[in-house]
Amino acid sequence: MSQSLLVIDDSPDIHCLLDVRLREERVTIHHATSGPEGLQLARERQPDLILLDVVMPGMGGFDVCQELKTDPATADIPVIFLTGSSDSVNKVKGLDLGAVDYIVKPFDVAELRARVRAALRTVRYQKLLAQQAQIDATTGLWNRAHFDRRIREVLSLCSRHARIASLVMMDIDRFKSINDSYGHPFGDRVLEYVSETIRSTSRASDIPCRYGGDELAIILPDTDLSSGRAYADSLRRRVAETPWKHREAAIQITISLGVSCSAQGDGAEAAEALIHRADQALYHAKQTGRNRVYALPAVCDCPV
């Protein structure tokens, strides 16, 4: 797992020193020489760790830390203060503001590396645990809780930056009958195969999730309705063309998909509207014969 840290310090010598001393830690280092620049880079780069000088002209380290911890976008990034003072009052103040550690200048090289390594290791474990808590065990896709959070985030970005996103809702045709006829282990294999097909055909920015049961959802950022429909149809064809057998009996597995695109709006109401339209499209696809894609624009001038 690649990790990065951001150094916010007004001294060019400190930046050079840290580059040299942390070279063996295999971490990407970003540099800022003032508080405002550091805040901007923290929001843009989302580093795993911030090394923050306490004393800087203009906006000092304590003010930067307070700003970082009050912004939801940067609040969870751990901060280690760099200071030339071992004064306990300042240490307590920094820790109360949310910092996780202090490193006193001039640096002891072994201590510097150990403290940075420990902080990054903690971040890595926390991210792994958080990720595992949001992954569906059967399909390997993101789970419903992750879907609910990410669709609101994607639509919020669409609203703020005049962007667009599409949502694909899909399920496996006659899945209950598959389970009843061939057994639940075979049904799980089918669900796992369809999920793996989704993962292998998705872009890095796409967000494939298990919505519930055999219903899957794929959030497609920066995708208009026409492109979303084309992606859904390519997925449909790949699944339909895959041969299946159960005790030498040939079986065809198909999926139905509904597609909708984002309307103007933000938050839970916009998310509910998008999900509702994609569900309507999926219902129409199943009612008109299954193994097909149906697309419904949101109630807006969505490009098709």
C-alpha atoms as a PDB file:
ATOM      1  CA  MET A   1       0.000   0.000   0.000  1.00  0.00           C
ATOM      2  CA  SER A   2       1.617   3.252  -1.177  1.00  0.00           C
ATOM      3  CA  GLN A   3       1.694   5.956   1.486  1.00  0.00           C
ATOM      4  CA  SER A   4       2.461   9.668   1.501  1.00  0.00           C
ATOM      5  CA  LEU A   5       3.235  12.402   3.994  1.00  0.00           C
ATOM      6  CA  LEU A   6       3.036  16.168   3.849  1.00  0.00           C
ATOM      7  CA  VAL A   7       5.702  18.364   5.435  1.00  0.00           C
ATOM      8  CA  ILE A   8       4.513  21.866   6.386  1.00  0.00           C
ATOM      9  CA  ASP A   9       7.522  23.945   7.487  1.00  0.00           C
ATOM     10  CA  ASP A  10       8.816  27.400   6.532  1.00  0.00           C
ATOM     11  CA  SER A  11      12.457  26.233   6.496  1.00  0.00           C
ATOM     12  CA  PRO A  12      13.815  24.878   3.160  1.00  0.00           C
ATOM     13  CA  ASP A  13      16.624  23.204   5.123  1.00  0.00           C
ATOM     14  CA  ILE A  14      14.103  21.115   7.072  1.00  0.00           C
ATOM     15  CA  HIS A  15      12.473  19.955   3.830  1.00  0.00           C
ATOM     16  CA  CYS A  16      15.844  18.899   2.415  1.00  0.00           C
ATOM     17  CA  LEU A  17      16.781  17.163   5.657  1.00  0.00           C
ATOM     18  CA  LEU A  18      13.527  15.210   5.829  1.00  0.00           C
ATOM     19  CA  ASP A  19      13.867  14.170   2.179  1.00  0.00           C
ATOM     20  CA  VAL A  20      17.270  12.690   2.976  1.00  0.00           C
ATOM     21  CA  ARG A  21      16.433  11.164   6.375  1.00  0.00           C
ATOM     22  CA  LEU A  22      13.165   9.544   5.231  1.00  0.00           C
ATOM     23  CA  ARG A  23      14.406   8.340   1.851  1.00  0.00           C
ATOM     24  CA  GLU A  24      14.564   4.723   2.993  1.00  0.00           C
ATOM     25  CA  GLU A  25      10.967   4.735   4.282  1.00  0.00           C
ATOM     26  CA  ARG A  26       9.567   4.389   0.732  1.00  0.00           C
ATOM     27  CA  VAL A  27       7.003   7.118   1.248  1.00  0.00           C
ATOM     28  CA  THR A  28       6.029   9.937  -1.107  1.00  0.00           C
ATOM     29  CA  ILE A  29       6.773  13.327   0.459  1.00  0.00           C
ATOM     30  CA  HIS A  30       4.864  16.509  -0.415  1.00  0.00           C
ATOM     31  CA  HIS A  31       6.138  19.921   0.678  1.00  0.00           C
ATOM     32  CA  ALA A  32       4.499  23.163   1.803  1.00  0.00           C
ATOM     33  CA  THR A  33       6.345  26.189   3.193  1.00  0.00           C
ATOM     34  CA  SER A  34       3.402  27.998   4.815  1.00  0.00           C
ATOM     35  CA  GLY A  35       0.241  27.219   6.718  1.00  0.00           C
ATOM     36  CA  PRO A  36      -2.236  28.194   3.952  1.00  0.00           C
ATOM     37  CA  GLU A  37      -0.267  26.247   1.345  1.00  0.00           C
ATOM     38  CA  GLY A  38      -0.191  23.254   3.666  1.00  0.00           C
ATOM     39  CA  LEU A  39      -3.958  23.347   4.190  1.00  0.00           C
ATOM     40  CA  GLN A  40      -4.550  23.463   0.439  1.00  0.00           C
ATOM     41  CA  LEU A  41      -2.181  20.550  -0.228  1.00  0.00           C
ATOM     42  CA  ALA A  42      -3.701  18.524   2.609  1.00  0.00           C
ATOM     43  CA  ARG A  43      -7.152  18.842   1.026  1.00  0.00           C
ATOM     44  CA  GLU A  44      -5.876  18.100  -2.469  1.00  0.00           C
ATOM     45  CA  ARG A  45      -3.383  15.300  -1.737  1.00  0.00           C
ATOM     46  CA  GLN A  46      -5.027  13.629   1.276  1.00  0.00           C
ATOM     47  CA  PRO A  47      -1.683  12.474   2.734  1.00  0.00           C
ATOM     48  CA  ASP A  48      -1.480   9.637   5.237  1.00  0.00           C
ATOM     49  CA  LEU A  49       0.518  11.759   7.691  1.00  0.00           C
ATOM     50  CA  ILE A  50       1.361  15.450   8.192  1.00  0.00           C
ATOM     51  CA  LEU A  51       4.603  16.708   9.762  1.00  0.00           C
ATOM     52  CA  LEU A  52       3.767  20.227  10.942  1.00  0.00           C
ATOM     53  CA  ASP A  53       6.118  22.920  12.225  1.00  0.00           C
ATOM     54  CA  VAL A  54       4.827  24.700  15.326  1.00  0.00           C
ATOM     55  CA  VAL A  55       6.434  28.105  14.692  1.00  0.00           C
ATOM     56  CA  MET A  56       5.843  29.633  11.252  1.00  0.00           C
ATOM     57  CA  PRO A  57       5.321  33.253  10.169  1.00  0.00           C
ATOM     58  CA  GLY A  58       1.724  34.237   9.640  1.00  0.00           C
ATOM     59  CA  MET A  59      -0.322  31.114  10.284  1.00  0.00           C
ATOM     60  CA  GLY A  60       1.382  29.011  12.966  1.00  0.00           C
ATOM     61  CA  GLY A  61       1.255  25.257  13.409  1.00  0.00           C
ATOM     62  CA  PHE A  62      -1.398  25.259  16.129  1.00  0.00           C
ATOM     63  CA  ASP A  63      -3.747  27.299  13.917  1.00  0.00           C
ATOM     64  CA  VAL A  64      -3.089  24.962  10.976  1.00  0.00           C
ATOM     65  CA  CYS A  65      -3.788  21.914  13.121  1.00  0.00           C
ATOM     66  CA  GLN A  66      -7.034  23.395  14.400  1.00  0.00           C
ATOM     67  CA  GLU A  67      -8.109  24.132  10.822  1.00  0.00           C
ATOM     68  CA  LEU A  68      -7.217  20.606   9.721  1.00  0.00           C
ATOM     69  CA  LYS A  69      -9.197  19.016  12.535  1.00  0.00           C
ATOM     70  CA  THR A  70     -12.331  21.092  11.939  1.00  0.00           C
ATOM     71  CA  ASP A  71     -12.455  20.277   8.208  1.00  0.00           C
ATOM     72  CA  PRO A  72     -14.159  16.875   7.561  1.00  0.00           C
ATOM     73  CA  ALA A  73     -11.918  16.361   4.518  1.00  0.00           C
ATOM     74  CA  THR A  74      -8.721  16.446   6.624  1.00  0.00           C
ATOM     75  CA  ALA A  75      -9.893  15.751  10.177  1.00  0.00           C
ATOM     76  CA  ASP A  76      -8.723  12.120  10.170  1.00  0.00           C
ATOM     77  CA  ILE A  77      -5.197  12.799   8.882  1.00  0.00           C
ATOM     78  CA  PRO A  78      -2.756  12.281  11.790  1.00  0.00           C
ATOM     79  CA  VAL A  79      -0.465  15.206  12.618  1.00  0.00           C
ATOM     80  CA  ILE A  80       3.003  15.071  14.165  1.00  0.00           C
ATOM     81  CA  PHE A  81       4.322  18.428  15.355  1.00  0.00           C
ATOM     82  CA  LEU A  82       7.894  19.486  14.623  1.00  0.00           C
ATOM     83  CA  THR A  83       9.219  21.821  17.280  1.00  0.00           C
ATOM     84  CA  GLY A  84      12.474  23.255  18.557  1.00  0.00           C
ATOM     85  CA  SER A  85      11.099  23.336  22.092  1.00  0.00           C
ATOM     86  CA  SER A  86      10.567  20.514  24.553  1.00  0.00           C
ATOM     87  CA  ASP A  87       8.244  22.710  26.637  1.00  0.00           C
ATOM     88  CA  SER A  88       5.452  20.530  28.054  1.00  0.00           C
ATOM     89  CA  VAL A  89       2.835  23.311  27.873  1.00  0.00           C
ATOM     90  CA  ASN A  90       3.113  23.508  24.091  1.00  0.00           C
ATOM     91  CA  LYS A  91       3.128  19.726  23.820  1.00  0.00           C
ATOM     92  CA  VAL A  92      -0.097  19.468  25.811  1.00  0.00           C
ATOM     93  CA  LYS A  93      -1.686  22.210  23.695  1.00  0.00           C
ATOM     94  CA  GLY A  94      -0.765  20.437  20.468  1.00  0.00           C
ATOM     95  CA  LEU A  95      -2.025  17.066  21.675  1.00  0.00           C
ATOM     96  CA  ASP A  96      -5.273  18.668  22.836  1.00  0.00           C
ATOM     97  CA  LEU A  97      -5.707  20.084  19.321  1.00  0.00           C
ATOM     98  CA  GLY A  98      -5.558  16.555  17.910  1.00  0.00           C
ATOM     99  CA  ALA A  99      -1.896  15.887  17.125  1.00  0.00           C
ATOM    100  CA  VAL A 100      -0.707  12.320  17.647  1.00  0.00           C
ATOM    101  CA  ASP A 101       2.964  12.992  18.459  1.00  0.00           C
ATOM    102  CA  TYR A 102       5.838  15.482  18.741  1.00  0.00           C
ATOM    103  CA  ILE A 103       9.328  15.363  17.223  1.00  0.00           C
ATOM    104  CA  VAL A 104      11.858  17.785  18.707  1.00  0.00           C
ATOM    105  CA  LYS A 105      14.439  19.530  16.522  1.00  0.00           C
ATOM    106  CA  PRO A 106      17.278  18.861  15.946  1.00  0.00           C
ATOM    107  CA  PHE A 107      16.101  15.406  14.885  1.00  0.00           C
ATOM    108  CA  ASP A 108      17.550  12.197  16.155  1.00  0.00           C
ATOM    109  CA  VAL A 109      17.494  10.205  12.912  1.00  0.00           C
ATOM    110  CA  ALA A 110      16.538   6.870  14.447  1.00  0.00           C
ATOM    111  CA  GLU A 111      13.765   8.463  16.520  1.00  0.00           C
ATOM    112  CA  LEU A 112      12.449  10.433  13.528  1.00  0.00           C
ATOM    113  CA  ARG A 113      12.188   7.331  11.370  1.00  0.00           C
ATOM    114  CA  ALA A 114      10.660   5.263  14.161  1.00  0.00           C
ATOM    115  CA  ARG A 115       7.960   7.807  14.974  1.00  0.00           C
ATOM    116  CA  VAL A 116       7.046   8.344  11.300  1.00  0.00           C
ATOM    117  CA  ARG A 117       7.077   4.595  10.667  1.00  0.00           C
ATOM    118  CA  ALA A 118       4.822   3.942  13.675  1.00  0.00           C
ATOM    119  CA  ALA A 119       2.319   6.618  12.641  1.00  0.00           C
ATOM    120  CA  LEU A 120       2.159   5.347   9.051  1.00  0.00           C
ATOM    121  CA  ARG A 121       1.787   1.757  10.255  1.00  0.00           C
ATOM    122  CA  THR A 122      -1.184   2.774  12.409  1.00  0.00           C
ATOM    123  CA  VAL A 123      -2.775   4.557   9.450  1.00  0.00           C
ATOM    124  CA  ARG A 124      -2.257   1.510   7.235  1.00  0.00           C
ATOM    125  CA  TYR A 125      -3.922  -0.832   9.735  1.00  0.00           C
ATOM    126  CA  GLN A 126      -6.815   1.569  10.286  1.00  0.00           C
ATOM    127  CA  LYS A 127      -7.453   1.823   6.555  1.00  0.00           C
ATOM    128  CA  LEU A 128      -7.350  -1.942   6.125  1.00  0.00           C
ATOM    129  CA  LEU A 129      -9.833  -2.433   8.961  1.00  0.00           C
ATOM    130  CA  ALA A 130     -12.128   0.287   7.624  1.00  0.00           C
ATOM    131  CA  GLN A 131     -11.986  -1.205   4.142  1.00  0.00           C
ATOM    132  CA  GLN A 132     -12.731  -4.721   5.365  1.00  0.00           C
ATOM    133  CA  ALA A 133     -15.724  -3.429   7.313  1.00  0.00           C
ATOM    134  CA  GLN A 134     -17.197  -2.080   4.069  1.00  0.00           C
ATOM    135  CA  ILE A 135     -16.639  -5.112   1.816  1.00  0.00           C
ATOM    136  CA  ASP A 136     -19.332  -7.715   1.238  1.00  0.00           C
ATOM    137  CA  ALA A 137     -17.948 -11.140   2.129  1.00  0.00           C
ATOM    138  CA  THR A 138     -19.760 -13.123  -0.587  1.00  0.00           C
ATOM    139  CA  THR A 139     -19.149 -10.919  -3.622  1.00  0.00           C
ATOM    140  CA  GLY A 140     -16.009  -8.994  -2.673  1.00  0.00           C
ATOM    141  CA  LEU A 141     -17.792  -5.799  -3.744  1.00  0.00           C
ATOM    142  CA  TRP A 142     -18.406  -2.791  -1.512  1.00  0.00           C
ATOM    143  CA  ASN A 143     -21.373  -3.287   0.806  1.00  0.00           C
ATOM    144  CA  ARG A 144     -24.598  -1.332   1.197  1.00  0.00           C
ATOM    145  CA  ALA A 145     -23.223   1.001   3.874  1.00  0.00           C
ATOM    146  CA  HIS A 146     -20.376   1.993   1.564  1.00  0.00           C
ATOM    147  CA  PHE A 147     -22.837   2.493  -1.303  1.00  0.00           C
ATOM    148  CA  ASP A 148     -25.049   4.782   0.767  1.00  0.00           C
ATOM    149  CA  ARG A 149     -22.097   6.955   1.751  1.00  0.00           C
ATOM    150  CA  ARG A 150     -20.386   7.099  -1.647  1.00  0.00           C
ATOM    151  CA  ILE A 151     -23.453   7.901  -3.712  1.00  0.00           C
ATOM    152  CA  ARG A 152     -24.078  10.985  -1.574  1.00  0.00           C
ATOM    153  CA  GLU A 153     -20.427  12.016  -1.942  1.00  0.00           C
ATOM    154  CA  VAL A 154     -20.461  11.557  -5.733  1.00  0.00           C
ATOM    155  CA  LEU A 155     -23.693  13.517  -6.141  1.00  0.00           C
ATOM    156  CA  SER A 156     -22.363  16.270  -3.897  1.00  0.00           C
ATOM    157  CA  LEU A 157     -19.353  16.630  -6.225  1.00  0.00           C
ATOM    158  CA  CYS A 158     -21.687  16.652  -9.223  1.00  0.00           C
ATOM    159  CA  SER A 159     -23.711  19.447  -7.668  1.00  0.00           C
ATOM    160  CA  ARG A 160     -20.695  21.590  -6.721  1.00  0.00           C
ATOM    161  CA  HIS A 161     -18.707  21.176  -9.931  1.00  0.00           C
ATOM    162  CA  ALA A 162     -21.440  20.791 -12.598  1.00  0.00           C
ATOM    163  CA  ARG A 163     -20.424  17.185 -13.247  1.00  0.00           C
ATOM    164  CA  ILE A 164     -22.568  14.154 -13.967  1.00  0.00           C
ATOM    165  CA  ALA A 165     -22.746  10.545 -12.805  1.00  0.00           C
ATOM    166  CA  SER A 166     -24.754   7.482 -13.735  1.00  0.00           C
ATOM    167  CA  LEU A 167     -26.047   4.623 -11.633  1.00  0.00           C
ATOM    168  CA  VAL A 168     -26.510   1.043 -12.835  1.00  0.00           C
ATOM    169  CA  MET A 169     -28.830  -1.209 -10.826  1.00  0.00           C
ATOM    170  CA  MET A 170     -28.905  -4.864 -11.811  1.00  0.00           C
ATOM    171  CA  ASP A 171     -29.874  -8.311 -10.646  1.00  0.00           C
ATOM    172  CA  ILE A 172     -29.531 -11.891 -11.849  1.00  0.00           C
ATOM    173  CA  ASP A 173     -32.550 -13.088 -13.792  1.00  0.00           C
ATOM    174  CA  ARG A 174     -34.633 -15.740 -12.001  1.00  0.00           C
ATOM    175  CA  PHE A 175     -32.048 -15.993  -9.232  1.00  0.00           C
ATOM    176  CA  LYS A 176     -34.501 -17.572  -6.774  1.00  0.00           C
ATOM    177  CA  SER A 177     -35.247 -20.272  -9.327  1.00  0.00           C
ATOM    178  CA  ILE A 178     -31.491 -20.874  -9.779  1.00  0.00           C
ATOM    179  CA  ASN A 179     -31.087 -21.380  -6.026  1.00  0.00           C
ATOM    180  CA  ASP A 180     -34.171 -23.617  -5.813  1.00  0.00           C
ATOM    181  CA  SER A 181     -33.202 -25.749  -8.817  1.00  0.00           C
ATOM    182  CA  TYR A 182     -29.432 -26.087  -8.396  1.00  0.00           C
ATOM    183  CA  GLY A 183     -28.808 -25.244  -4.739  1.00  0.00           C
ATOM    184  CA  HIS A 184     -27.504 -22.197  -2.915  1.00  0.00           C
ATOM    185  CA  PRO A 185     -23.797 -23.065  -3.390  1.00  0.00           C
ATOM    186  CA  PHE A 186     -24.333 -22.922  -7.156  1.00  0.00           C
ATOM    187  CA  GLY A 187     -26.264 -19.644  -6.737  1.00  0.00           C
ATOM    188  CA  ASP A 188     -23.352 -18.215  -4.741  1.00  0.00           C
ATOM    189  CA  ARG A 189     -20.962 -19.214  -7.548  1.00  0.00           C
ATOM    190  CA  VAL A 190     -23.120 -17.340 -10.043  1.00  0.00           C
ATOM    191  CA  LEU A 191     -23.250 -14.267  -7.816  1.00  0.00           C
ATOM    192  CA  GLU A 192     -19.470 -14.388  -7.314  1.00  0.00           C
ATOM    193  CA  TYR A 193     -18.897 -14.719 -11.081  1.00  0.00           C
ATOM    194  CA  VAL A 194     -21.121 -11.759 -11.927  1.00  0.00           C
ATOM    195  CA  SER A 195     -19.398  -9.683  -9.233  1.00  0.00           C
ATOM    196  CA  GLU A 196     -15.949 -10.591 -10.551  1.00  0.00           C
ATOM    197  CA  THR A 197     -17.090  -9.663 -14.072  1.00  0.00           C
ATOM    198  CA  ILE A 198     -18.166  -6.264 -12.776  1.00  0.00           C
ATOM    199  CA  ARG A 199     -14.820  -5.738 -11.016  1.00  0.00           C
ATOM    200  CA  SER A 200     -12.804  -6.736 -14.082  1.00  0.00           C
ATOM    201  CA  THR A 201     -14.712  -4.367 -16.383  1.00  0.00           C
ATOM    202  CA  SER A 202     -14.896  -1.366 -14.044  1.00  0.00           C
ATOM    203  CA  ARG A 203     -12.656   1.684 -14.084  1.00  0.00           C
ATOM    204  CA  ALA A 204     -10.668   2.606 -11.009  1.00  0.00           C
ATOM    205  CA  SER A 205     -13.142   5.445 -10.344  1.00  0.00           C
ATOM    206  CA  ASP A 206     -16.254   3.225 -10.560  1.00  0.00           C
ATOM    207  CA  ILE A 207     -17.883   2.018  -7.347  1.00  0.00           C
ATOM    208  CA  PRO A 208     -19.397  -1.482  -7.639  1.00  0.00           C
ATOM    209  CA  CYS A 209     -21.489  -2.514  -4.621  1.00  0.00           C
ATOM    210  CA  ARG A 210     -23.802  -5.246  -3.414  1.00  0.00           C
ATOM    211  CA  TYR A 211     -27.069  -3.416  -2.848  1.00  0.00           C
ATOM    212  CA  GLY A 212     -28.915  -6.362  -1.325  1.00  0.00           C
ATOM    213  CA  GLY A 213     -29.588 -10.024  -2.132  1.00  0.00           C
ATOM    214  CA  ASP A 214     -28.699 -10.553  -5.799  1.00  0.00           C
ATOM    215  CA  GLU A 215     -29.178  -6.856  -6.598  1.00  0.00           C
ATOM    216  CA  LEU A 216     -25.922  -5.077  -7.406  1.00  0.00           C
ATOM    217  CA  ALA A 217     -25.258  -1.389  -8.013  1.00  0.00           C
ATOM    218  CA  ILE A 218     -22.466   0.380  -9.856  1.00  0.00           C
ATOM    219  CA  ILE A 219     -21.885   4.115  -9.373  1.00  0.00           C
ATOM    220  CA  LEU A 220     -20.231   5.558 -12.492  1.00  0.00           C
ATOM    221  CA  PRO A 221     -18.740   9.023 -11.826  1.00  0.00           C
ATOM    222  CA  ASP A 222     -18.314  11.392 -14.792  1.00  0.00           C
ATOM    223  CA  THR A 223     -20.526   9.182 -16.967  1.00  0.00           C
ATOM    224  CA  ASP A 224     -23.555  10.343 -18.960  1.00  0.00           C
ATOM    225  CA  LEU A 225     -26.621   8.187 -19.608  1.00  0.00           C
ATOM    226  CA  SER A 226     -25.477   7.017 -23.039  1.00  0.00           C
ATOM    227  CA  SER A 227     -22.083   5.858 -21.755  1.00  0.00           C
ATOM    228  CA  GLY A 228     -23.678   4.246 -18.710  1.00  0.00           C
ATOM    229  CA  ARG A 229     -26.095   2.344 -20.923  1.00  0.00           C
ATOM    230  CA  ALA A 230     -23.252   1.200 -23.213  1.00  0.00           C
ATOM    231  CA  TYR A 231     -21.265  -0.068 -20.217  1.00  0.00           C
ATOM    232  CA  ALA A 232     -24.323  -1.885 -18.838  1.00  0.00           C
ATOM    233  CA  ASP A 233     -24.991  -3.571 -22.168  1.00  0.00           C
ATOM    234  CA  SER A 234     -21.394  -4.752 -22.512  1.00  0.00           C
ATOM    235  CA  LEU A 235     -21.702  -6.261 -19.038  1.00  0.00           C
ATOM    236  CA  ARG A 236     -25.007  -7.908 -19.958  1.00  0.00           C
ATOM    237  CA  ARG A 237     -23.518  -9.470 -23.110  1.00  0.00           C
ATOM    238  CA  ARG A 238     -20.456 -10.799 -21.302  1.00  0.00           C
ATOM    239  CA  VAL A 239     -22.574 -12.552 -18.674  1.00  0.00           C
ATOM    240  CA  ALA A 240     -25.055 -13.936 -21.245  1.00  0.00           C
ATOM    241  CA  GLU A 241     -22.259 -15.347 -23.419  1.00  0.00           C
ATOM    242  CA  THR A 242     -20.603 -17.266 -20.578  1.00  0.00           C
ATOM    243  CA  PRO A 243     -21.457 -21.000 -20.690  1.00  0.00           C
ATOM    244  CA  TRP A 244     -22.603 -22.674 -17.475  1.00  0.00           C
ATOM    245  CA  LYS A 245     -23.144 -26.308 -16.602  1.00  0.00           C
ATOM    246  CA  HIS A 246     -24.639 -28.109 -13.636  1.00  0.00           C
ATOM    247  CA  ARG A 247     -24.145 -31.870 -13.658  1.00  0.00           C
ATOM    248  CA  GLU A 248     -23.561 -31.695 -17.420  1.00  0.00           C
ATOM    249  CA  ALA A 249     -26.802 -29.763 -18.000  1.00  0.00           C
ATOM    250  CA  ALA A 250     -26.256 -26.507 -19.913  1.00  0.00           C
ATOM    251  CA  ILE A 251     -27.602 -23.413 -18.157  1.00  0.00           C
ATOM    252  CA  GLN A 252     -27.807 -19.833 -19.365  1.00  0.00           C
ATOM    253  CA  ILE A 253     -27.269 -17.105 -16.802  1.00  0.00           C
ATOM    254  CA  THR A 254     -28.474 -13.608 -17.669  1.00  0.00           C
ATOM    255  CA  ILE A 255     -28.794 -10.269 -15.923  1.00  0.00           C
ATOM    256  CA  SER A 256     -31.146  -7.308 -16.284  1.00  0.00           C
ATOM    257  CA  LEU A 257     -29.942  -3.770 -15.765  1.00  0.00           C
ATOM    258  CA  GLY A 258     -31.465  -0.345 -15.203  1.00  0.00           C
ATOM    259  CA  VAL A 259     -29.529   2.872 -15.738  1.00  0.00           C
ATOM    260  CA  SER A 260     -30.184   6.440 -14.676  1.00  0.00           C
ATOM    261  CA  CYS A 261     -28.103   9.608 -14.505  1.00  0.00           C
ATOM    262  CA  SER A 262     -27.794  12.285 -11.858  1.00  0.00           C
ATOM    263  CA  ALA A 263     -30.124  15.235 -11.549  1.00  0.00           C
ATOM    264  CA  GLN A 264     -29.151  18.586 -10.115  1.00  0.00           C
ATOM    265  CA  GLY A 265     -29.175  18.316  -6.374  1.00  0.00           C
ATOM    266  CA  ASP A 266     -27.189  17.271  -3.358  1.00  0.00           C
ATOM    267  CA  GLY A 267     -27.470  14.959  -0.395  1.00  0.00           C
ATOM    268  CA  ALA A 268     -29.906  12.221   0.516  1.00  0.00           C
ATOM    269  CA  GLU A 269     -32.855  13.440  -1.588  1.00  0.00           C
ATOM    270  CA  ALA A 270     -30.800  13.499  -4.791  1.00  0.00           C
ATOM    271  CA  ALA A 271     -29.446  10.033  -3.994  1.00  0.00           C
ATOM    272  CA  GLU A 272     -32.929   8.643  -3.360  1.00  0.00           C
ATOM    273  CA  ALA A 273     -34.181  10.121  -6.636  1.00  0.00           C
ATOM    274  CA  LEU A 274     -31.315   8.601  -8.620  1.00  0.00           C
ATOM    275  CA  ILE A 275     -31.749   5.172  -7.005  1.00  0.00           C
ATOM    276  CA  HIS A 276     -35.515   5.306  -7.590  1.00  0.00           C
ATOM    277  CA  ARG A 277     -35.089   6.055 -11.309  1.00  0.00           C
ATOM    278  CA  ALA A 278     -32.482   3.306 -11.759  1.00  0.00           C
ATOM    279  CA  ASP A 279     -34.787   0.870  -9.927  1.00  0.00           C
ATOM    280  CA  GLN A 280     -37.661   1.887 -12.200  1.00  0.00           C
ATOM    281  CA  ALA A 281     -35.459   1.237 -15.224  1.00  0.00           C
ATOM    282  CA  LEU A 282     -34.439  -2.185 -13.838  1.00  0.00           C
ATOM    283  CA  TYR A 283     -38.095  -3.082 -13.223  1.00  0.00           C
ATOM    284  CA  HIS A 284     -38.933  -2.130 -16.818  1.00  0.00           C
ATOM    285  CA  ALA A 285     -36.054  -4.260 -18.151  1.00  0.00           C
ATOM    286  CA  LYS A 286     -37.332  -7.300 -16.260  1.00  0.00           C
ATOM    287  CA  GLN A 287     -40.977  -6.723 -17.169  1.00  0.00           C
ATOM    288  CA  THR A 288     -40.165  -6.501 -20.875  1.00  0.00           C
ATOM    289  CA  GLY A 289     -38.322  -9.794 -21.139  1.00  0.00           C
ATOM    290  CA  ARG A 290     -35.151  -9.796 -18.962  1.00  0.00           C
ATOM    291  CA  ASN A 291     -31.588 -10.039 -20.255  1.00  0.00           C
ATOM    292  CA  ARG A 292     -31.734  -6.428 -21.322  1.00  0.00           C
ATOM    293  CA  VAL A 293     -30.807  -2.873 -20.383  1.00  0.00           C
ATOM    294  CA  TYR A 294     -33.266  -0.040 -19.915  1.00  0.00           C
ATOM    295  CA  ALA A 295     -32.197   3.541 -19.254  1.00  0.00           C
ATOM    296  CA  LEU A 296     -34.180   6.360 -17.675  1.00  0.00           C
ATOM    297  CA  PRO A 297     -32.816   9.887 -17.385  1.00  0.00           C
ATOM    298  CA  ALA A 298     -33.351  11.600 -14.087  1.00  0.00           C
ATOM    299  CA  VAL A 299     -35.903  14.384 -13.974  1.00  0.00           C
ATOM    300  CA  CYS A 300     -33.498  16.860 -15.541  1.00  0.00           C
ATOM    301  CA  ASP A 301     -31.761  17.706 -18.790  1.00  0.00           C
ATOM    302  CA  CYS A 302     -29.420  14.766 -18.486  1.00  0.00           C
ATOM    303  CA  PRO A 303     -27.265  14.087 -21.582  1.00  0.00           C
ATOM    304  CA  VAL A 304     -28.286  10.897 -23.364  1.00  0.00           C
END
